[in-house]
Amino acid sequence: MELTFRTEVTPEDIKNVREIVESTGFFYEHETDIAVELVEERLRNGEESGYNFIFAEIEGRPVAYSCFGLNPMTKSCFDLYWIVAHNSYRGKGIGKKLLEETHKESKKMGGTMIIAETSGRDKYLPTREFYTRAGYRLEAVIKDFYDKDDDKCIYIMRF
């Protein structure tokens, strides 16, 4: 099972991203729609969109992806908008390798840090642990951000 990465976004990725995000059972429908909209924005406007993608593939099939970009209010801080592995491929180290690839690409683009945000709900404990294991530091928690009892947890990785 050889894992490869690609950064080119294709029209098929609209369907691929929807399938990957929906497979997790983590996200609300409107969140899935936003994930797809970012792919569409990249297809329409290319690099000018500010959205960069890396797809992790096995035998040419996308099984995970990340979406990241330079925060336009900064000189070198990147936001990690999405990192998602298809539910069938979770727990196999693909997310870790994809995150490392995302860091590498961010650094090549001049990044000095990357920010990841996630929910504080119990369901997202594995996600928060994923960031901590990868060397991210919890920088802030905004109580009741997404909804009552659903905090926003902000993690930072400095390069």
N, C-alpha and C. Protein backbone atom coordinates (compact mmCIF):
# COMPACT_ATOMS: atom_id res chain seq x y z
N MET A 1 0.85 -1.17 0.00
CA MET A 1 0.00 0.00 0.00
C MET A 1 0.90 1.24 0.00
N GLU A 2 1.20 1.76 -1.18
CA GLU A 2 2.06 2.93 -1.31
C GLU A 2 1.23 4.20 -1.29
N LEU A 3 1.63 5.11 -0.41
CA LEU A 3 0.96 6.39 -0.28
C LEU A 3 1.69 7.42 -1.12
N THR A 4 0.93 8.13 -1.96
CA THR A 4 1.50 9.21 -2.77
C THR A 4 0.72 10.49 -2.49
N PHE A 5 1.34 11.61 -2.84
CA PHE A 5 0.71 12.91 -2.61
C PHE A 5 0.63 13.67 -3.93
N ARG A 6 -0.44 14.44 -4.06
CA ARG A 6 -0.53 15.35 -5.20
C ARG A 6 -1.13 16.67 -4.73
N THR A 7 -0.73 17.73 -5.42
CA THR A 7 -1.21 19.07 -5.06
C THR A 7 -2.14 19.65 -6.11
N GLU A 8 -2.18 19.05 -7.27
CA GLU A 8 -3.08 19.53 -8.33
C GLU A 8 -4.53 19.20 -7.95
N VAL A 9 -5.41 20.17 -8.11
CA VAL A 9 -6.82 19.97 -7.82
C VAL A 9 -7.55 19.74 -9.14
N THR A 10 -8.37 18.71 -9.18
CA THR A 10 -9.12 18.36 -10.39
C THR A 10 -10.62 18.47 -10.11
N PRO A 11 -11.43 18.58 -11.15
CA PRO A 11 -12.89 18.62 -10.94
C PRO A 11 -13.42 17.40 -10.16
N GLU A 12 -12.78 16.25 -10.30
CA GLU A 12 -13.20 15.05 -9.57
C GLU A 12 -13.06 15.23 -8.06
N ASP A 13 -12.20 16.18 -7.66
CA ASP A 13 -11.97 16.37 -6.23
C ASP A 13 -13.17 16.97 -5.52
N ILE A 14 -14.10 17.54 -6.25
CA ILE A 14 -15.34 18.00 -5.64
C ILE A 14 -16.04 16.79 -5.01
N LYS A 15 -16.18 15.74 -5.78
CA LYS A 15 -16.80 14.50 -5.29
C LYS A 15 -15.91 13.82 -4.25
N ASN A 16 -14.60 13.80 -4.49
CA ASN A 16 -13.68 13.13 -3.57
C ASN A 16 -13.72 13.76 -2.18
N VAL A 17 -13.69 15.09 -2.13
CA VAL A 17 -13.70 15.78 -0.84
C VAL A 17 -15.01 15.52 -0.10
N ARG A 18 -16.11 15.61 -0.83
CA ARG A 18 -17.41 15.34 -0.18
C ARG A 18 -17.44 13.93 0.40
N GLU A 19 -16.98 12.96 -0.36
CA GLU A 19 -16.98 11.57 0.11
C GLU A 19 -16.09 11.39 1.34
N ILE A 20 -14.89 11.98 1.30
CA ILE A 20 -13.97 11.84 2.44
C ILE A 20 -14.57 12.47 3.69
N VAL A 21 -15.06 13.69 3.57
CA VAL A 21 -15.60 14.40 4.73
C VAL A 21 -16.84 13.69 5.28
N GLU A 22 -17.76 13.29 4.40
CA GLU A 22 -18.98 12.62 4.86
C GLU A 22 -18.68 11.29 5.53
N SER A 23 -17.65 10.58 5.08
CA SER A 23 -17.33 9.26 5.62
C SER A 23 -17.00 9.30 7.11
N THR A 24 -16.54 10.43 7.60
CA THR A 24 -16.10 10.51 9.00
C THR A 24 -17.26 10.53 9.99
N GLY A 25 -18.40 11.07 9.59
CA GLY A 25 -19.51 11.21 10.51
C GLY A 25 -19.29 12.31 11.54
N PHE A 26 -18.26 13.12 11.38
CA PHE A 26 -17.91 14.17 12.34
C PHE A 26 -18.58 15.50 12.03
N PHE A 27 -18.84 15.78 10.79
CA PHE A 27 -19.16 17.14 10.38
C PHE A 27 -20.63 17.33 10.07
N TYR A 28 -21.10 18.54 10.37
CA TYR A 28 -22.45 18.93 9.99
C TYR A 28 -22.50 19.07 8.47
N GLU A 29 -23.72 19.01 7.91
CA GLU A 29 -23.89 19.13 6.46
C GLU A 29 -23.33 20.45 5.94
N HIS A 30 -23.55 21.54 6.67
CA HIS A 30 -23.05 22.84 6.21
C HIS A 30 -21.52 22.87 6.22
N GLU A 31 -20.89 22.13 7.11
CA GLU A 31 -19.43 22.07 7.11
C GLU A 31 -18.92 21.31 5.89
N THR A 32 -19.60 20.23 5.54
CA THR A 32 -19.24 19.47 4.34
C THR A 32 -19.38 20.35 3.11
N ASP A 33 -20.45 21.12 3.05
CA ASP A 33 -20.66 22.03 1.91
C ASP A 33 -19.51 23.04 1.81
N ILE A 34 -19.05 23.54 2.94
CA ILE A 34 -17.95 24.50 2.94
C ILE A 34 -16.67 23.84 2.43
N ALA A 35 -16.41 22.61 2.85
CA ALA A 35 -15.22 21.89 2.37
C ALA A 35 -15.24 21.79 0.85
N VAL A 36 -16.39 21.47 0.29
CA VAL A 36 -16.54 21.35 -1.16
C VAL A 36 -16.39 22.73 -1.83
N GLU A 37 -16.95 23.76 -1.21
CA GLU A 37 -16.84 25.11 -1.78
C GLU A 37 -15.38 25.55 -1.92
N LEU A 38 -14.52 25.14 -1.00
CA LEU A 38 -13.11 25.51 -1.09
C LEU A 38 -12.45 24.87 -2.31
N VAL A 39 -12.83 23.64 -2.62
CA VAL A 39 -12.32 22.98 -3.83
C VAL A 39 -12.80 23.74 -5.06
N GLU A 40 -14.08 24.08 -5.07
CA GLU A 40 -14.63 24.82 -6.21
C GLU A 40 -13.95 26.17 -6.38
N GLU A 41 -13.69 26.83 -5.27
CA GLU A 41 -13.00 28.13 -5.31
C GLU A 41 -11.60 27.98 -5.90
N ARG A 42 -10.90 26.93 -5.50
CA ARG A 42 -9.56 26.68 -6.04
C ARG A 42 -9.63 26.40 -7.54
N LEU A 43 -10.61 25.63 -7.97
CA LEU A 43 -10.75 25.33 -9.39
C LEU A 43 -11.06 26.60 -10.20
N ARG A 44 -11.87 27.48 -9.64
CA ARG A 44 -12.23 28.73 -10.33
C ARG A 44 -11.07 29.71 -10.40
N ASN A 45 -10.36 29.87 -9.28
CA ASN A 45 -9.39 30.97 -9.16
C ASN A 45 -7.95 30.54 -8.98
N GLY A 46 -7.67 29.25 -9.02
CA GLY A 46 -6.29 28.78 -8.90
C GLY A 46 -5.63 29.26 -7.63
N GLU A 47 -4.33 29.58 -7.73
CA GLU A 47 -3.56 30.02 -6.56
C GLU A 47 -4.13 31.28 -5.94
N GLU A 48 -4.75 32.13 -6.75
CA GLU A 48 -5.34 33.37 -6.25
C GLU A 48 -6.42 33.12 -5.19
N SER A 49 -6.97 31.91 -5.16
CA SER A 49 -8.00 31.58 -4.17
C SER A 49 -7.44 31.59 -2.76
N GLY A 50 -6.14 31.33 -2.64
CA GLY A 50 -5.53 31.24 -1.31
C GLY A 50 -5.68 29.87 -0.68
N TYR A 51 -6.32 28.95 -1.38
CA TYR A 51 -6.53 27.60 -0.86
C TYR A 51 -5.60 26.63 -1.56
N ASN A 52 -4.77 25.97 -0.78
CA ASN A 52 -3.85 24.96 -1.30
C ASN A 52 -4.30 23.60 -0.79
N PHE A 53 -4.16 22.61 -1.63
CA PHE A 53 -4.60 21.27 -1.28
C PHE A 53 -3.46 20.27 -1.45
N ILE A 54 -3.47 19.27 -0.60
CA ILE A 54 -2.63 18.09 -0.78
C ILE A 54 -3.55 16.89 -0.62
N PHE A 55 -3.54 16.03 -1.61
CA PHE A 55 -4.33 14.80 -1.56
C PHE A 55 -3.40 13.63 -1.32
N ALA A 56 -3.74 12.81 -0.35
CA ALA A 56 -3.01 11.56 -0.09
C ALA A 56 -3.77 10.47 -0.84
N GLU A 57 -3.04 9.73 -1.66
CA GLU A 57 -3.69 8.73 -2.50
C GLU A 57 -3.03 7.36 -2.33
N ILE A 58 -3.86 6.35 -2.45
CA ILE A 58 -3.41 4.97 -2.50
C ILE A 58 -3.92 4.39 -3.81
N GLU A 59 -2.99 3.93 -4.64
CA GLU A 59 -3.33 3.40 -5.96
C GLU A 59 -4.21 4.38 -6.75
N GLY A 60 -3.86 5.66 -6.66
CA GLY A 60 -4.56 6.69 -7.41
C GLY A 60 -5.90 7.12 -6.83
N ARG A 61 -6.28 6.56 -5.69
CA ARG A 61 -7.57 6.91 -5.07
C ARG A 61 -7.31 7.84 -3.89
N PRO A 62 -7.92 9.03 -3.88
CA PRO A 62 -7.76 9.94 -2.74
C PRO A 62 -8.39 9.33 -1.48
N VAL A 63 -7.59 9.26 -0.40
CA VAL A 63 -8.07 8.69 0.86
C VAL A 63 -8.00 9.71 1.99
N ALA A 64 -7.35 10.84 1.74
CA ALA A 64 -7.26 11.91 2.74
C ALA A 64 -6.84 13.17 2.00
N TYR A 65 -7.07 14.31 2.65
CA TYR A 65 -6.62 15.56 2.04
C TYR A 65 -6.44 16.61 3.12
N SER A 66 -5.64 17.61 2.78
CA SER A 66 -5.54 18.81 3.61
C SER A 66 -5.78 20.02 2.73
N CYS A 67 -6.30 21.06 3.35
CA CYS A 67 -6.49 22.35 2.70
C CYS A 67 -5.90 23.38 3.64
N PHE A 68 -5.02 24.23 3.11
CA PHE A 68 -4.32 25.19 3.94
C PHE A 68 -3.99 26.42 3.10
N GLY A 69 -3.65 27.50 3.78
CA GLY A 69 -3.28 28.70 3.05
C GLY A 69 -2.74 29.77 3.96
N LEU A 70 -2.05 30.69 3.35
CA LEU A 70 -1.52 31.84 4.06
C LEU A 70 -2.68 32.68 4.58
N ASN A 71 -2.66 33.00 5.86
CA ASN A 71 -3.67 33.89 6.40
C ASN A 71 -3.40 35.27 5.81
N PRO A 72 -4.35 35.85 5.07
CA PRO A 72 -4.08 37.09 4.35
C PRO A 72 -3.82 38.31 5.24
N MET A 73 -4.05 38.16 6.55
CA MET A 73 -3.79 39.26 7.48
C MET A 73 -2.35 39.21 8.02
N THR A 74 -1.57 38.21 7.56
CA THR A 74 -0.23 37.99 8.11
C THR A 74 0.81 37.91 7.00
N LYS A 75 2.07 37.92 7.39
CA LYS A 75 3.15 37.75 6.42
C LYS A 75 3.55 36.29 6.25
N SER A 76 3.40 35.48 7.31
CA SER A 76 3.92 34.11 7.19
C SER A 76 3.17 33.08 8.03
N CYS A 77 1.97 33.40 8.46
CA CYS A 77 1.18 32.46 9.26
C CYS A 77 0.16 31.77 8.36
N PHE A 78 0.18 30.46 8.39
CA PHE A 78 -0.75 29.67 7.58
C PHE A 78 -1.88 29.14 8.45
N ASP A 79 -3.03 28.98 7.84
CA ASP A 79 -4.17 28.33 8.48
C ASP A 79 -4.34 26.94 7.88
N LEU A 80 -4.56 25.97 8.74
CA LEU A 80 -4.91 24.63 8.29
C LEU A 80 -6.43 24.56 8.33
N TYR A 81 -7.04 24.70 7.17
CA TYR A 81 -8.49 24.75 7.09
C TYR A 81 -9.12 23.38 7.28
N TRP A 82 -8.52 22.38 6.65
CA TRP A 82 -9.06 21.01 6.73
C TRP A 82 -7.91 20.01 6.68
N ILE A 83 -8.03 18.96 7.46
CA ILE A 83 -7.23 17.76 7.26
C ILE A 83 -8.15 16.61 7.65
N VAL A 84 -8.44 15.77 6.68
CA VAL A 84 -9.44 14.73 6.87
C VAL A 84 -8.99 13.45 6.17
N ALA A 85 -9.10 12.35 6.88
CA ALA A 85 -8.86 11.04 6.28
C ALA A 85 -10.19 10.31 6.17
N HIS A 86 -10.37 9.61 5.07
CA HIS A 86 -11.56 8.78 4.89
C HIS A 86 -11.65 7.83 6.07
N ASN A 87 -12.85 7.62 6.57
CA ASN A 87 -13.03 6.79 7.75
C ASN A 87 -12.41 5.40 7.59
N SER A 88 -12.43 4.85 6.39
CA SER A 88 -11.87 3.51 6.15
C SER A 88 -10.35 3.48 6.29
N TYR A 89 -9.71 4.66 6.31
CA TYR A 89 -8.25 4.73 6.35
C TYR A 89 -7.72 5.40 7.62
N ARG A 90 -8.61 5.70 8.56
CA ARG A 90 -8.17 6.33 9.81
C ARG A 90 -7.37 5.34 10.64
N GLY A 91 -6.42 5.87 11.40
CA GLY A 91 -5.62 5.03 12.29
C GLY A 91 -4.49 4.29 11.61
N LYS A 92 -4.18 4.64 10.37
CA LYS A 92 -3.12 3.96 9.61
C LYS A 92 -1.89 4.84 9.42
N GLY A 93 -1.86 6.01 10.07
CA GLY A 93 -0.71 6.91 9.96
C GLY A 93 -0.76 7.84 8.75
N ILE A 94 -1.82 7.77 7.98
CA ILE A 94 -1.92 8.60 6.78
C ILE A 94 -2.05 10.07 7.16
N GLY A 95 -2.86 10.36 8.17
CA GLY A 95 -3.03 11.74 8.62
C GLY A 95 -1.71 12.36 9.07
N LYS A 96 -0.93 11.58 9.79
CA LYS A 96 0.38 12.07 10.26
C LYS A 96 1.28 12.42 9.08
N LYS A 97 1.34 11.53 8.10
CA LYS A 97 2.18 11.79 6.92
C LYS A 97 1.65 12.97 6.11
N LEU A 98 0.33 13.07 6.01
CA LEU A 98 -0.27 14.19 5.30
C LEU A 98 0.01 15.51 6.01
N LEU A 99 -0.06 15.50 7.33
CA LEU A 99 0.24 16.71 8.09
C LEU A 99 1.71 17.11 7.90
N GLU A 100 2.61 16.14 7.91
CA GLU A 100 4.03 16.43 7.68
C GLU A 100 4.24 17.03 6.29
N GLU A 101 3.55 16.51 5.31
CA GLU A 101 3.64 17.03 3.94
C GLU A 101 3.07 18.45 3.88
N THR A 102 2.01 18.70 4.60
CA THR A 102 1.40 20.03 4.66
C THR A 102 2.38 21.02 5.29
N HIS A 103 3.04 20.60 6.35
CA HIS A 103 4.05 21.47 6.99
C HIS A 103 5.18 21.79 6.00
N LYS A 104 5.63 20.76 5.31
CA LYS A 104 6.72 20.95 4.34
C LYS A 104 6.33 21.95 3.26
N GLU A 105 5.12 21.82 2.72
CA GLU A 105 4.66 22.74 1.68
C GLU A 105 4.49 24.16 2.23
N SER A 106 3.95 24.27 3.44
CA SER A 106 3.77 25.59 4.06
C SER A 106 5.12 26.29 4.24
N LYS A 107 6.10 25.54 4.69
CA LYS A 107 7.45 26.12 4.87
C LYS A 107 8.03 26.57 3.53
N LYS A 108 7.84 25.76 2.48
CA LYS A 108 8.34 26.14 1.15
C LYS A 108 7.70 27.44 0.67
N MET A 109 6.49 27.71 1.13
CA MET A 109 5.77 28.91 0.74
C MET A 109 6.06 30.08 1.68
N GLY A 110 7.02 29.89 2.59
CA GLY A 110 7.43 30.96 3.49
C GLY A 110 6.76 30.95 4.85
N GLY A 111 6.04 29.90 5.15
CA GLY A 111 5.34 29.82 6.42
C GLY A 111 6.28 29.67 7.61
N THR A 112 5.93 30.35 8.69
CA THR A 112 6.68 30.24 9.94
C THR A 112 5.84 29.61 11.05
N MET A 113 4.55 29.52 10.82
CA MET A 113 3.67 28.82 11.76
C MET A 113 2.39 28.43 11.03
N ILE A 114 1.70 27.47 11.64
CA ILE A 114 0.41 27.04 11.09
C ILE A 114 -0.56 26.89 12.25
N ILE A 115 -1.77 27.33 12.03
CA ILE A 115 -2.81 27.30 13.05
C ILE A 115 -3.89 26.31 12.64
N ALA A 116 -4.26 25.45 13.59
CA ALA A 116 -5.34 24.49 13.38
C ALA A 116 -6.40 24.75 14.44
N GLU A 117 -7.64 24.76 14.03
CA GLU A 117 -8.75 24.97 14.95
C GLU A 117 -9.66 23.75 14.92
N THR A 118 -10.18 23.38 16.08
CA THR A 118 -11.09 22.25 16.14
C THR A 118 -12.05 22.42 17.30
N SER A 119 -13.01 21.56 17.33
CA SER A 119 -14.05 21.61 18.35
C SER A 119 -13.56 21.05 19.68
N GLY A 120 -14.14 21.56 20.76
CA GLY A 120 -13.84 21.06 22.08
C GLY A 120 -14.78 19.94 22.53
N ARG A 121 -15.72 19.55 21.67
CA ARG A 121 -16.64 18.46 22.03
C ARG A 121 -15.87 17.17 22.24
N ASP A 122 -16.42 16.29 23.08
CA ASP A 122 -15.77 15.01 23.38
C ASP A 122 -15.47 14.22 22.12
N LYS A 123 -16.37 14.31 21.16
CA LYS A 123 -16.21 13.58 19.90
C LYS A 123 -14.89 13.93 19.21
N TYR A 124 -14.38 15.14 19.47
CA TYR A 124 -13.17 15.63 18.82
C TYR A 124 -11.90 15.42 19.64
N LEU A 125 -12.00 14.68 20.74
CA LEU A 125 -10.81 14.39 21.54
C LEU A 125 -9.71 13.72 20.70
N PRO A 126 -10.03 12.73 19.85
CA PRO A 126 -8.97 12.15 19.02
C PRO A 126 -8.30 13.18 18.10
N THR A 127 -9.06 14.15 17.62
CA THR A 127 -8.50 15.20 16.77
C THR A 127 -7.53 16.07 17.57
N ARG A 128 -7.96 16.46 18.76
CA ARG A 128 -7.08 17.28 19.61
C ARG A 128 -5.81 16.51 19.99
N GLU A 129 -5.95 15.23 20.27
CA GLU A 129 -4.77 14.41 20.59
C GLU A 129 -3.86 14.27 19.37
N PHE A 130 -4.44 14.20 18.19
CA PHE A 130 -3.67 14.13 16.94
C PHE A 130 -2.75 15.34 16.82
N TYR A 131 -3.30 16.53 17.05
CA TYR A 131 -2.49 17.75 16.97
C TYR A 131 -1.41 17.77 18.05
N THR A 132 -1.76 17.36 19.25
CA THR A 132 -0.78 17.36 20.34
C THR A 132 0.36 16.39 20.03
N ARG A 133 0.04 15.19 19.56
CA ARG A 133 1.09 14.21 19.20
C ARG A 133 1.97 14.73 18.08
N ALA A 134 1.41 15.56 17.20
CA ALA A 134 2.17 16.10 16.07
C ALA A 134 3.04 17.29 16.47
N GLY A 135 2.98 17.69 17.74
CA GLY A 135 3.82 18.78 18.21
C GLY A 135 3.14 20.13 18.29
N TYR A 136 1.85 20.17 18.05
CA TYR A 136 1.10 21.42 18.18
C TYR A 136 0.91 21.74 19.66
N ARG A 137 0.77 23.02 19.94
CA ARG A 137 0.51 23.49 21.30
C ARG A 137 -0.85 24.15 21.33
N LEU A 138 -1.64 23.81 22.35
CA LEU A 138 -2.94 24.46 22.52
C LEU A 138 -2.69 25.90 22.93
N GLU A 139 -3.06 26.83 22.08
CA GLU A 139 -2.80 28.26 22.31
C GLU A 139 -3.97 28.96 22.97
N ALA A 140 -5.20 28.56 22.62
CA ALA A 140 -6.37 29.24 23.17
C ALA A 140 -7.60 28.36 23.07
N VAL A 141 -8.54 28.62 23.95
CA VAL A 141 -9.86 27.99 23.91
C VAL A 141 -10.89 29.11 24.01
N ILE A 142 -11.80 29.14 23.06
CA ILE A 142 -12.89 30.11 23.09
C ILE A 142 -14.16 29.34 23.47
N LYS A 143 -14.65 29.59 24.64
CA LYS A 143 -15.81 28.88 25.16
C LYS A 143 -17.06 29.17 24.33
N ASP A 144 -17.84 28.12 24.12
CA ASP A 144 -19.15 28.22 23.45
C ASP A 144 -19.07 28.87 22.07
N PHE A 145 -17.97 28.70 21.38
CA PHE A 145 -17.78 29.37 20.08
C PHE A 145 -18.73 28.83 19.01
N TYR A 146 -18.70 27.51 18.80
CA TYR A 146 -19.51 26.91 17.74
C TYR A 146 -20.99 26.82 18.15
N ASP A 147 -21.18 26.57 19.45
CA ASP A 147 -22.51 26.43 20.01
C ASP A 147 -22.33 26.35 21.52
N LYS A 148 -23.41 26.34 22.25
CA LYS A 148 -23.29 26.17 23.70
C LYS A 148 -22.60 24.83 23.97
N ASP A 149 -21.60 24.87 24.83
CA ASP A 149 -20.82 23.69 25.20
C ASP A 149 -20.02 23.11 24.03
N ASP A 150 -19.74 23.92 23.03
CA ASP A 150 -18.90 23.50 21.91
C ASP A 150 -17.83 24.58 21.70
N ASP A 151 -16.73 24.39 22.40
CA ASP A 151 -15.63 25.36 22.38
C ASP A 151 -14.81 25.25 21.11
N LYS A 152 -14.11 26.34 20.80
CA LYS A 152 -13.14 26.35 19.70
C LYS A 152 -11.76 26.22 20.34
N CYS A 153 -11.00 25.21 19.94
CA CYS A 153 -9.65 24.98 20.43
C CYS A 153 -8.67 25.34 19.32
N ILE A 154 -7.75 26.22 19.65
CA ILE A 154 -6.80 26.74 18.65
C ILE A 154 -5.41 26.20 18.97
N TYR A 155 -4.87 25.45 18.01
CA TYR A 155 -3.55 24.83 18.15
C TYR A 155 -2.57 25.51 17.21
N ILE A 156 -1.32 25.61 17.66
CA ILE A 156 -0.28 26.27 16.86
C ILE A 156 0.95 25.40 16.75
N MET A 157 1.49 25.35 15.55
CA MET A 157 2.79 24.72 15.29
C MET A 157 3.69 25.82 14.72
N ARG A 158 4.80 26.05 15.39
CA ARG A 158 5.79 27.02 14.88
C ARG A 158 6.90 26.25 14.20
N PHE A 159 7.31 26.75 13.04
CA PHE A 159 8.37 26.08 12.28
C PHE A 159 9.71 26.70 12.62
